[in-house]
Amino acid sequence: MIITVTPNPSLDRTFDVDVLAVGEVTRAHGTHVHAGGKGINVSRALARHGIPTRAVLPVGGADGAELVELLGGLGVAARAVPVRGATRSNVAVVDARGVTTKVNAAGPTLDDDEAAALVAAVERELDVAGTAGSWLVLAGSVPRGAGADLYPRLVAAAAARGIPVAVDASGKALDATVQAGGTALLKPNLDELCDVLRASLTTVGDIVAGARSVLARGHDSALVSLGADGALLVTATRSWWAGGSPIVPRSTVGAGDCTLAGFLATDGEPIERLRAAVAWGRAAVGLPGSAIPGPDDLDLAAVQVVAEPDPALEPVDLFRTAPAGLA
């Protein structure tokens, strides 16, 4: 069972436009409404592939009720924790080039009782899940009032039960998680890794060294998203890169979440987990809005994997210099 926690979920509305002109009226030729939030997207992707998952999330107001209803329609089992504040709505505008502009609302403020109820709900799910094949995924921003230590508290709760934890966060939530240690997988994108290190990481060697400096604080591995340039998987002693030929994106909403879902959904060696992760992410950017790819959308053969990539290269050069026919 893969349990996801989305502390600050949203109802995501995506508008497809030809050109986004700031300060002018723009007509949308397509609209999409999805249950949103990073952990929710991970659960949506897993459920689409028939992998058992449960989503834990605080919800409030009409948008919160619609969010839970949407999840049920997608076959995602949800443990909803009632809160007094209204669940936020996020807006994404995608133009004809595939460029996505996002406006994310702040979301509700949780009081102490609501934050405690969220932690208790996660602990109950962990107790039921057991350790065989289970993961806890903590993803997205932490709502006001929940405390910067929310993720470290949940990491400790999972560790006490022998369940590995993956964290996909940014800002203060990522900083607190990195400092506390204890995760099996951190999934920052390159900008987030640079932010947590307060450094600029230009080459593959820089990124690998930066990731390892984070792992040294008590984490097992890092899956670093490089956007269109693929992803790097880094452990204390090994590194791998995976990517493919350039594709024209339709929407980048949820692509990183699908990348994480693909990694967690795949058994076997790191090389195969990384290949699947990148294939899931690439499939997601080819779909509109925050649509989730299914099994028929994946193209594992299009993903190349390189062990110990050249540290002198920049990410943009990795696919161009990868030997043809690599596994």
Protein backbone atom coordinates (compact mmCIF):
# COMPACT_ATOMS: atom_id res chain seq x y z
CA MET A 1 0.00 0.00 0.00
CA ILE A 2 1.30 3.44 -0.92
CA ILE A 3 -0.09 6.11 1.39
CA THR A 4 0.10 9.68 0.18
CA VAL A 5 -0.28 12.77 2.33
CA THR A 6 -1.27 16.07 0.73
CA PRO A 7 -1.38 18.59 3.58
CA ASN A 8 -2.56 21.43 1.32
CA PRO A 9 -4.73 19.89 -1.43
CA SER A 10 -6.51 21.85 -4.14
CA LEU A 11 -9.17 21.78 -6.77
CA ASP A 12 -7.14 22.38 -9.95
CA ARG A 13 -8.68 24.23 -12.87
CA THR A 14 -6.70 24.29 -16.13
CA PHE A 15 -7.50 26.53 -19.09
CA ASP A 16 -6.12 25.87 -22.59
CA VAL A 17 -5.48 29.06 -24.59
CA ASP A 18 -3.72 29.96 -27.81
CA VAL A 19 -1.80 32.90 -26.32
CA LEU A 20 -1.82 34.25 -22.77
CA ALA A 21 -1.83 38.05 -23.02
CA VAL A 22 -1.33 39.72 -19.65
CA GLY A 23 -3.78 42.57 -19.08
CA GLU A 24 -6.15 41.45 -21.83
CA VAL A 25 -9.20 39.19 -22.06
CA THR A 26 -8.10 35.69 -23.10
CA ARG A 27 -10.56 33.10 -24.42
CA ALA A 28 -10.04 29.50 -23.33
CA HIS A 29 -10.81 26.77 -25.85
CA GLY A 30 -10.62 23.99 -23.27
CA THR A 31 -11.09 23.62 -19.52
CA HIS A 32 -10.24 20.79 -17.15
CA VAL A 33 -11.02 20.30 -13.44
CA HIS A 34 -9.01 17.81 -11.42
CA ALA A 35 -8.36 16.88 -7.82
CA GLY A 36 -5.01 18.53 -7.22
CA GLY A 37 -2.05 18.55 -4.90
CA LYS A 38 1.21 16.68 -5.27
CA GLY A 39 0.36 13.69 -3.10
CA ILE A 40 -3.07 13.40 -4.69
CA ASN A 41 -1.45 13.37 -8.13
CA VAL A 42 0.82 10.52 -7.01
CA SER A 43 -2.22 8.54 -5.83
CA ARG A 44 -4.11 9.32 -9.04
CA ALA A 45 -1.20 8.00 -11.10
CA LEU A 46 -0.83 4.86 -9.00
CA ALA A 47 -4.57 4.13 -9.11
CA ARG A 48 -4.57 4.56 -12.89
CA HIS A 49 -2.09 1.68 -13.01
CA GLY A 50 -3.98 -0.52 -10.55
CA ILE A 51 -1.56 -0.02 -7.66
CA PRO A 52 -3.13 0.11 -4.17
CA THR A 53 -3.01 3.60 -2.70
CA ARG A 54 -4.77 5.74 -0.11
CA ALA A 55 -4.73 9.53 -0.02
CA VAL A 56 -4.82 11.38 3.29
CA LEU A 57 -5.81 15.04 3.07
CA PRO A 58 -7.52 17.83 5.03
CA VAL A 59 -10.65 19.15 3.30
CA GLY A 60 -13.12 21.94 3.88
CA GLY A 61 -15.90 23.79 2.10
CA ALA A 62 -17.60 23.10 -1.22
CA ASP A 63 -14.35 22.73 -3.15
CA GLY A 64 -13.15 20.18 -0.60
CA ALA A 65 -16.32 18.15 -1.03
CA GLU A 66 -15.94 18.27 -4.82
CA LEU A 67 -12.31 17.19 -4.50
CA VAL A 68 -13.22 14.08 -2.49
CA GLU A 69 -16.00 13.28 -4.97
CA LEU A 70 -13.56 13.56 -7.87
CA LEU A 71 -11.11 11.22 -6.14
CA GLY A 72 -13.84 8.64 -5.64
CA GLY A 73 -14.66 8.78 -9.32
CA LEU A 74 -11.00 8.04 -10.09
CA GLY A 75 -10.91 5.02 -7.82
CA VAL A 76 -8.67 6.71 -5.25
CA ALA A 77 -9.56 5.80 -1.67
CA ALA A 78 -9.33 8.91 0.48
CA ARG A 79 -9.17 9.56 4.20
CA ALA A 80 -10.53 13.09 4.46
CA VAL A 81 -9.73 15.05 7.61
CA PRO A 82 -12.37 17.78 8.08
CA VAL A 83 -11.09 21.33 8.63
CA ARG A 84 -12.96 24.60 9.04
CA GLY A 85 -11.12 26.50 6.30
CA ALA A 86 -12.02 26.07 2.63
CA THR A 87 -9.91 23.85 0.37
CA ARG A 88 -8.03 26.05 -2.08
CA SER A 89 -8.50 26.31 -5.84
CA ASN A 90 -5.48 26.56 -8.14
CA VAL A 91 -5.49 27.80 -11.72
CA ALA A 92 -3.15 26.83 -14.57
CA VAL A 93 -3.17 28.41 -18.03
CA VAL A 94 -1.50 26.42 -20.82
CA ASP A 95 -0.77 28.12 -24.14
CA ALA A 96 -0.33 26.59 -27.60
CA ARG A 97 3.43 26.16 -27.03
CA GLY A 98 2.79 24.07 -23.92
CA VAL A 99 4.00 26.83 -21.61
CA THR A 100 2.16 26.62 -18.28
CA THR A 101 1.41 29.62 -16.05
CA LYS A 102 0.19 28.71 -12.56
CA VAL A 103 -1.59 30.68 -9.86
CA ASN A 104 -1.71 28.76 -6.58
CA ALA A 105 -3.87 29.89 -3.67
CA ALA A 106 -2.45 29.79 -0.15
CA GLY A 107 -5.02 27.41 1.27
CA PRO A 108 -6.62 27.26 4.73
CA THR A 109 -4.92 27.73 8.08
CA LEU A 110 -5.04 24.63 10.29
CA ASP A 111 -5.47 25.06 14.02
CA ASP A 112 -3.66 22.82 16.52
CA ASP A 113 -6.52 20.33 16.75
CA GLU A 114 -6.80 20.03 12.97
CA ALA A 115 -3.04 19.52 12.57
CA ALA A 116 -3.12 16.85 15.29
CA ALA A 117 -6.07 15.16 13.56
CA LEU A 118 -4.11 15.04 10.30
CA VAL A 119 -1.12 13.39 12.00
CA ALA A 120 -3.40 10.91 13.77
CA ALA A 121 -5.10 10.00 10.47
CA VAL A 122 -1.73 9.27 8.86
CA GLU A 123 -0.67 7.15 11.83
CA ARG A 124 -3.86 5.09 11.57
CA GLU A 125 -3.21 4.46 7.89
CA LEU A 126 0.37 3.40 8.65
CA ASP A 127 -0.85 0.95 11.28
CA VAL A 128 -3.21 -0.67 8.78
CA ALA A 129 -0.80 -0.72 5.82
CA GLY A 130 1.91 -2.98 7.22
CA THR A 131 5.46 -3.00 5.91
CA ALA A 132 5.26 -5.28 2.85
CA GLY A 133 5.62 -3.09 -0.23
CA SER A 134 4.38 -0.02 1.61
CA TRP A 135 5.54 3.58 1.24
CA LEU A 136 4.53 6.85 2.83
CA VAL A 137 4.64 9.79 0.42
CA LEU A 138 4.68 13.33 1.82
CA ALA A 139 4.19 15.81 -0.97
CA GLY A 140 3.54 19.48 -1.49
CA SER A 141 3.36 22.54 0.70
CA VAL A 142 2.53 22.53 4.39
CA PRO A 143 -0.52 24.67 5.28
CA ARG A 144 -0.28 27.54 7.67
CA GLY A 145 -0.71 26.43 11.26
CA ALA A 146 0.53 22.88 10.70
CA GLY A 147 4.10 23.70 11.73
CA ALA A 148 7.37 23.38 9.83
CA ASP A 149 8.02 20.10 11.65
CA LEU A 150 4.96 18.33 10.17
CA TYR A 151 6.97 16.28 7.67
CA PRO A 152 9.74 15.29 10.14
CA ARG A 153 7.02 14.17 12.59
CA LEU A 154 5.41 11.98 9.94
CA VAL A 155 8.79 10.62 8.79
CA ALA A 156 9.48 9.57 12.37
CA ALA A 157 6.04 7.96 12.67
CA ALA A 158 6.65 5.88 9.54
CA ALA A 159 10.18 4.95 10.62
CA ALA A 160 8.84 3.66 13.93
CA ARG A 161 6.66 1.28 11.92
CA GLY A 162 9.36 0.24 9.44
CA ILE A 163 7.76 1.98 6.45
CA PRO A 164 10.00 3.94 4.03
CA VAL A 165 9.19 7.55 3.25
CA ALA A 166 9.47 9.59 0.05
CA VAL A 167 9.26 13.39 0.29
CA ASP A 168 8.57 15.83 -2.54
CA ALA A 169 8.52 19.32 -1.06
CA SER A 170 10.11 22.73 -1.34
CA GLY A 171 10.94 25.73 0.80
CA LYS A 172 10.69 25.41 4.58
CA ALA A 173 9.08 21.95 4.37
CA LEU A 174 12.04 20.61 2.40
CA ASP A 175 14.56 22.39 4.63
CA ALA A 176 13.03 20.86 7.76
CA THR A 177 12.91 17.40 6.20
CA VAL A 178 16.52 17.55 5.03
CA GLN A 179 17.74 18.64 8.46
CA ALA A 180 15.77 15.92 10.27
CA GLY A 181 16.93 13.01 8.07
CA GLY A 182 15.31 9.60 7.93
CA THR A 183 13.80 9.41 4.44
CA ALA A 184 14.33 6.66 1.89
CA LEU A 185 13.86 9.05 -1.04
CA LEU A 186 13.96 12.80 -1.54
CA LYS A 187 12.54 14.07 -4.83
CA PRO A 188 13.58 17.67 -5.41
CA ASN A 189 13.75 19.29 -8.79
CA LEU A 190 16.99 21.05 -9.66
CA ASP A 191 15.79 24.48 -8.52
CA GLU A 192 14.63 23.05 -5.18
CA LEU A 193 17.96 21.30 -4.64
CA CYS A 194 19.79 24.55 -5.38
CA ASP A 195 17.53 26.39 -2.95
CA VAL A 196 18.05 23.97 -0.08
CA LEU A 197 21.82 24.14 -0.58
CA ARG A 198 21.85 27.91 -1.23
CA ALA A 199 24.09 27.14 -4.21
CA SER A 200 24.12 27.12 -8.00
CA LEU A 201 24.51 23.63 -9.47
CA THR A 202 25.50 23.76 -13.13
CA THR A 203 27.10 20.46 -14.11
CA VAL A 204 26.15 16.86 -13.48
CA GLY A 205 29.04 16.66 -11.05
CA ASP A 206 27.71 19.67 -9.16
CA ILE A 207 24.24 18.14 -8.93
CA VAL A 208 25.49 14.74 -7.78
CA ALA A 209 27.78 16.30 -5.18
CA GLY A 210 24.98 18.56 -3.99
CA ALA A 211 22.56 15.67 -3.69
CA ARG A 212 25.12 13.66 -1.73
CA SER A 213 25.67 16.52 0.69
CA VAL A 214 21.93 16.36 1.40
CA LEU A 215 21.95 12.56 1.70
CA ALA A 216 24.76 12.82 4.25
CA ARG A 217 22.23 14.33 6.66
CA GLY A 218 20.52 10.96 6.96
CA HIS A 219 18.71 10.13 3.71
CA ASP A 220 19.10 7.11 1.43
CA SER A 221 18.66 8.47 -2.10
CA ALA A 222 17.61 11.48 -4.15
CA LEU A 223 15.63 11.55 -7.39
CA VAL A 224 16.45 14.94 -8.90
CA SER A 225 14.09 16.06 -11.66
CA LEU A 226 15.80 17.97 -14.46
CA GLY A 227 12.68 18.96 -16.39
CA ALA A 228 13.05 18.38 -20.11
CA ASP A 229 16.55 16.99 -19.48
CA GLY A 230 15.35 13.90 -17.58
CA ALA A 231 16.30 12.97 -14.04
CA LEU A 232 19.24 11.89 -11.90
CA LEU A 233 19.04 9.18 -9.24
CA VAL A 234 21.77 9.60 -6.65
CA THR A 235 22.86 7.45 -3.71
CA ALA A 236 25.90 7.78 -1.48
CA THR A 237 28.00 5.73 -3.92
CA ARG A 238 26.18 5.54 -7.27
CA SER A 239 24.44 7.82 -9.76
CA TRP A 240 22.32 7.26 -12.86
CA TRP A 241 20.75 9.58 -15.43
CA ALA A 242 17.67 8.85 -17.52
CA GLY A 243 16.08 10.86 -20.30
CA GLY A 244 14.91 10.80 -23.88
CA SER A 245 14.63 12.78 -27.06
CA PRO A 246 12.93 16.20 -26.78
CA ILE A 247 9.13 16.19 -26.83
CA VAL A 248 6.66 19.04 -27.25
CA PRO A 249 4.83 19.41 -23.93
CA ARG A 250 1.08 19.89 -23.75
CA SER A 251 1.15 20.55 -20.01
CA THR A 252 3.73 20.15 -17.25
CA VAL A 253 1.11 20.07 -14.46
CA GLY A 254 1.64 16.95 -12.36
CA ALA A 255 4.56 15.63 -14.42
CA GLY A 256 6.93 15.53 -11.46
CA ASP A 257 4.30 13.75 -9.38
CA CYS A 258 3.90 11.11 -12.09
CA THR A 259 7.69 10.73 -12.11
CA LEU A 260 7.64 9.92 -8.41
CA ALA A 261 4.68 7.55 -8.85
CA GLY A 262 6.51 5.68 -11.61
CA PHE A 263 9.54 5.21 -9.39
CA LEU A 264 7.51 3.89 -6.46
CA ALA A 265 5.34 1.67 -8.67
CA THR A 266 8.30 -0.23 -10.11
CA ASP A 267 10.12 -3.09 -8.42
CA GLY A 268 13.67 -4.15 -9.17
CA GLU A 269 17.00 -2.45 -9.67
CA PRO A 270 17.49 1.32 -9.51
CA ILE A 271 18.07 1.49 -13.27
CA GLU A 272 14.58 0.09 -13.96
CA ARG A 273 12.90 2.25 -11.35
CA LEU A 274 14.54 5.34 -12.81
CA ARG A 275 13.57 4.35 -16.36
CA ALA A 276 9.95 3.94 -15.29
CA ALA A 277 9.98 7.23 -13.40
CA VAL A 278 11.12 9.19 -16.44
CA ALA A 279 8.73 7.32 -18.76
CA TRP A 280 5.78 8.20 -16.51
CA GLY A 281 6.86 11.85 -16.34
CA ARG A 282 7.36 12.10 -20.11
CA ALA A 283 3.94 10.58 -20.71
CA ALA A 284 2.35 13.13 -18.39
CA VAL A 285 3.67 16.16 -20.27
CA GLY A 286 2.08 14.83 -23.46
CA LEU A 287 -1.42 15.07 -21.93
CA PRO A 288 -3.63 18.14 -21.38
CA GLY A 289 -4.13 19.82 -18.04
CA SER A 290 -3.27 17.60 -15.10
CA ALA A 291 -4.43 14.44 -16.86
CA ILE A 292 -2.70 11.26 -15.68
CA PRO A 293 -1.07 8.79 -18.11
CA GLY A 294 -2.23 5.18 -18.18
CA PRO A 295 -0.28 2.05 -19.13
CA ASP A 296 -0.88 2.58 -22.86
CA ASP A 297 0.68 6.07 -22.68
CA LEU A 298 4.07 4.83 -21.46
CA ASP A 299 7.07 4.36 -23.76
CA LEU A 300 9.82 2.74 -21.70
CA ALA A 301 11.87 2.03 -24.81
CA ALA A 302 12.22 5.77 -25.49
CA VAL A 303 14.08 6.29 -22.20
CA GLN A 304 17.85 5.92 -22.09
CA VAL A 305 19.66 5.27 -18.81
CA VAL A 306 23.33 6.04 -18.20
CA ALA A 307 25.19 4.83 -15.13
CA GLU A 308 27.73 7.27 -13.68
CA PRO A 309 27.05 10.08 -16.20
CA ASP A 310 29.94 12.38 -17.11
CA PRO A 311 30.26 14.87 -14.24
CA ALA A 312 31.62 17.57 -16.55
CA LEU A 313 28.45 17.73 -18.65
CA GLU A 314 25.54 20.07 -18.13
CA PRO A 315 22.10 18.41 -17.96
CA VAL A 316 21.08 19.74 -21.37
CA ASP A 317 23.96 17.80 -22.96
CA LEU A 318 23.19 14.41 -21.41
CA PHE A 319 20.86 13.03 -24.07
CA ARG A 320 22.92 14.41 -26.95
CA THR A 321 26.07 12.67 -25.70
CA ALA A 322 24.46 9.43 -24.46
CA PRO A 323 25.71 6.42 -26.45
CA ALA A 324 23.01 5.01 -28.71
CA GLY A 325 21.41 1.75 -27.68
CA LEU A 326 22.07 2.07 -23.97
CA ALA A 327 19.88 0.07 -21.63
